[in-house]
Amino acid sequence: MGEAEILDRLFGVIRERAEQRPEGSYVVQLLDGGLPRIAAKLREETEELIEAAGEDDRDHTAREAADLLFHVWVLLGAAGLSPDDVYGVLGERFGIGGLAEKATRAERKGAED
């Protein structure tokens, strides 16, 4: 199974939990807490990932990265977005250097203001 396929399956489970709202579901608890609850978990998981990476422990770092991705996917679902929305943005960025892409974003933001 490919990486994107795993992420898509995960998002499917998150969407299913949101629709079926099974009792005792962690996803439902996060969604019911709204953006403040999800954002708090994202901050926590980000810190844990950074700490794990600093410990030079590959397995721990991978587990924390998985936790962070899970919570990002919950946030996407809560915001009405899907992995395809993210994949599309990433696809647009291929072939563009990181600094050039960042400058383009800054230009777009300036035009919106």
Protein backbone atom coordinates (compact mmCIF):
# COMPACT_ATOMS: atom_id res chain seq x y z
CA MET A 1 0.00 0.00 0.00
CA GLY A 2 1.38 3.40 -0.99
CA GLU A 3 1.82 6.29 1.39
CA ALA A 4 -0.92 8.45 -0.08
CA GLU A 5 -3.25 5.46 0.01
CA ILE A 6 -2.63 5.05 3.74
CA LEU A 7 -3.34 8.72 4.32
CA ASP A 8 -6.50 8.52 2.22
CA ARG A 9 -7.68 5.48 4.20
CA LEU A 10 -6.99 7.33 7.43
CA PHE A 11 -9.00 10.30 6.24
CA GLY A 12 -11.83 7.93 5.31
CA VAL A 13 -11.91 6.61 8.87
CA ILE A 14 -11.91 10.16 10.24
CA ARG A 15 -14.77 11.13 7.90
CA GLU A 16 -16.68 7.98 8.88
CA ARG A 17 -16.31 8.77 12.59
CA ALA A 18 -17.51 12.33 11.97
CA GLU A 19 -20.60 11.06 10.15
CA GLN A 20 -21.46 8.08 12.36
CA ARG A 21 -20.35 9.67 15.64
CA PRO A 22 -19.71 6.42 17.51
CA GLU A 23 -19.71 6.68 21.28
CA GLY A 24 -16.23 6.86 22.77
CA SER A 25 -14.62 7.98 19.50
CA TYR A 26 -11.51 10.11 19.93
CA VAL A 27 -12.17 11.77 16.57
CA VAL A 28 -15.66 12.76 17.71
CA GLN A 29 -14.22 14.19 20.95
CA LEU A 30 -11.76 16.28 18.96
CA LEU A 31 -14.40 17.49 16.53
CA ASP A 32 -16.81 18.34 19.34
CA GLY A 33 -14.04 20.41 20.95
CA GLY A 34 -13.80 22.46 17.78
CA LEU A 35 -10.76 24.31 16.54
CA PRO A 36 -9.45 25.12 20.04
CA ARG A 37 -9.26 21.41 20.98
CA ILE A 38 -7.80 20.32 17.64
CA ALA A 39 -5.29 23.18 17.63
CA ALA A 40 -4.15 22.30 21.15
CA LYS A 41 -3.52 18.71 20.05
CA LEU A 42 -1.64 19.88 16.98
CA ARG A 43 0.62 22.08 19.12
CA GLU A 44 1.21 19.22 21.55
CA GLU A 45 1.99 16.70 18.80
CA THR A 46 4.29 19.16 17.03
CA GLU A 47 6.30 19.67 20.22
CA GLU A 48 6.48 15.92 20.81
CA LEU A 49 7.73 15.36 17.26
CA ILE A 50 10.44 17.98 17.67
CA GLU A 51 11.51 16.48 20.99
CA ALA A 52 11.61 12.96 19.54
CA ALA A 53 13.72 14.12 16.61
CA GLY A 54 16.13 15.72 19.06
CA GLU A 55 16.53 12.39 20.85
CA ASP A 56 17.79 10.81 17.63
CA ASP A 57 15.27 7.97 18.08
CA ARG A 58 13.93 7.03 14.65
CA ASP A 59 11.04 4.88 15.90
CA HIS A 60 9.84 7.48 18.40
CA THR A 61 10.15 10.21 15.77
CA ALA A 62 8.12 8.16 13.27
CA ARG A 63 5.39 7.53 15.85
CA GLU A 64 5.18 11.21 16.73
CA ALA A 65 5.09 12.16 13.04
CA ALA A 66 2.19 9.74 12.58
CA ASP A 67 0.37 11.33 15.53
CA LEU A 68 0.87 14.78 14.00
CA LEU A 69 -0.38 13.68 10.58
CA PHE A 70 -3.45 12.12 12.17
CA HIS A 71 -4.32 15.37 13.93
CA VAL A 72 -3.66 17.41 10.77
CA TRP A 73 -6.14 15.17 8.96
CA VAL A 74 -8.72 15.72 11.72
CA LEU A 75 -8.25 19.47 11.29
CA LEU A 76 -8.69 19.16 7.53
CA GLY A 77 -11.93 17.28 8.02
CA ALA A 78 -13.18 19.85 10.51
CA ALA A 79 -12.35 22.61 8.03
CA GLY A 80 -14.25 20.90 5.21
CA LEU A 81 -11.09 20.03 3.30
CA SER A 82 -9.72 16.70 2.14
CA PRO A 83 -6.30 15.23 1.44
CA ASP A 84 -6.93 15.90 -2.26
CA ASP A 85 -6.92 19.62 -1.48
CA VAL A 86 -3.47 19.27 0.10
CA TYR A 87 -2.18 16.96 -2.63
CA GLY A 88 -3.26 19.52 -5.23
CA VAL A 89 -1.31 22.31 -3.56
CA LEU A 90 1.75 20.10 -3.18
CA GLY A 91 1.48 19.06 -6.83
CA GLU A 92 1.44 22.69 -7.93
CA ARG A 93 4.67 23.28 -6.04
CA PHE A 94 6.70 20.60 -7.79
CA GLY A 95 9.36 22.05 -10.04
CA ILE A 96 9.40 25.33 -8.15
CA GLY A 97 12.25 25.98 -5.74
CA GLY A 98 11.20 26.47 -2.12
CA LEU A 99 12.36 30.07 -1.92
CA ALA A 100 10.72 31.00 -5.22
CA GLU A 101 7.46 29.35 -4.14
CA LYS A 102 7.55 31.19 -0.83
CA ALA A 103 8.09 34.50 -2.64
CA THR A 104 5.10 33.75 -4.88
CA ARG A 105 2.94 33.20 -1.79
CA ALA A 106 4.09 36.53 -0.35
CA GLU A 107 3.24 38.27 -3.63
CA ARG A 108 -0.24 36.70 -3.69
CA LYS A 109 -0.83 37.73 -0.08
CA GLY A 110 0.24 41.31 -0.86
CA ALA A 111 -2.18 41.44 -3.79
CA GLU A 112 -5.02 40.29 -1.53
CA ASP A 113 -4.39 42.99 1.08
